[in-house]
């Protein structure tokens, strides 16, 4: 897409809902979140534990199967509905990240898997009997340069033998299945560096201890992230998703959905944080009046609100384009950029508004402040988004 194409996209007849869309979904999410107050999340942080009970509640409500078509046991909802679910989870002080991956990971299986694979796995995922929460892509020495990953998968009869290492693979210890990207053809033997990569569905229940070792990574936020070591892992050839060597485009196909969903999570977090900041500004009295009366407090809060509203509109537009089958790469990336920065502004403003009390865990501000900083780094960094927009929207030379 170039600048002219972006302008044309804006003229497409795509409907964007305003206000509180999918109100029934929002109300149900709010009711679930009431059962998981701040104390629940603080305890998990202290123990570096996984929110098993919360994820079970989301599963029982059918939310983790929201995007799976009804014929496979899911709800068959549009992407915007899934975005609303994740937004509301975060807007109510909970954390969507322990469960959000299943929504976009299963898209690779749905769009590119064969019918046998879909019939085998999607109904089990929709019913909550299987969790597909882990996404093995990033490696220690390649980072964002996915085409240079070192994990190899070599065909040997009816299996692929896989060797390599993944890092920042969140929820691998709490997932039954993992989507794995590996190189099946050496990079020096393909025409384009994006060729020769393949996607596999790995059954972690069988693989752990039989070629896969998973080690937790202690991090600033409790995302249950891990590094995965793979040595002579045998993956059935039947678990190859789509065609061998075309995995990179399959992964890219799901990234727009991922960025739209994560951007919506950002908006939810930002609204929770802003609400905390406004409430405290009204309640806290210093020198005989509420601190919210001071422009030094209220102006940053007002600006944070304006930026969140703008980010929300970009999220809605990107989701509408995605659902309409229109080009949405630029919109998805821009939504992620604006939302990540807006929620960080809301977090930092609320932190500053609380003064010293922001550091107290009981207010939950420091927990959310830590969580939302991640959005500027993952799932795509701010600079990578800017590079995408510069090259693919503005038509500037590739910078890397």
Foldseek 3Di string as FASTA:
>chain_A
DAQVVVVVLVVDPFDFDDDDPPVVLLVVLLVLCVVQDLVNQVVCVVVLHAPPVSVVVCLVVLLLQACPDVVLPHNNHALVSNLSSLLSCQLSPHHCLLRSQSNLVCVLCVPFADPVSSNPPSNCCSNVVFFARWEFQADDPQGPVRLPADWEWEDDPQWTFIFDKGWQGFCLVPGQKYKHKHFHDDCVPDPDSLWRIWIFIDGSVVCDVPFKDWDFDDDLASRRTTMIGGGRGIGGNSRTGHDGGNHSVSVVVSVLSVLLSVLSSLLSNLNNLLVLLVVQQQVDDDPHHRNCVDCVQVVLSVVLVVLSVVLVSLSSSLSSCVRVVHDRPLSSLVSLLSSLVSSLSSLVSSCVSCPPCCPPCVSVSVNSNSVSPCSCPPPHHNVVSVQCCVCVYHPDDRDD
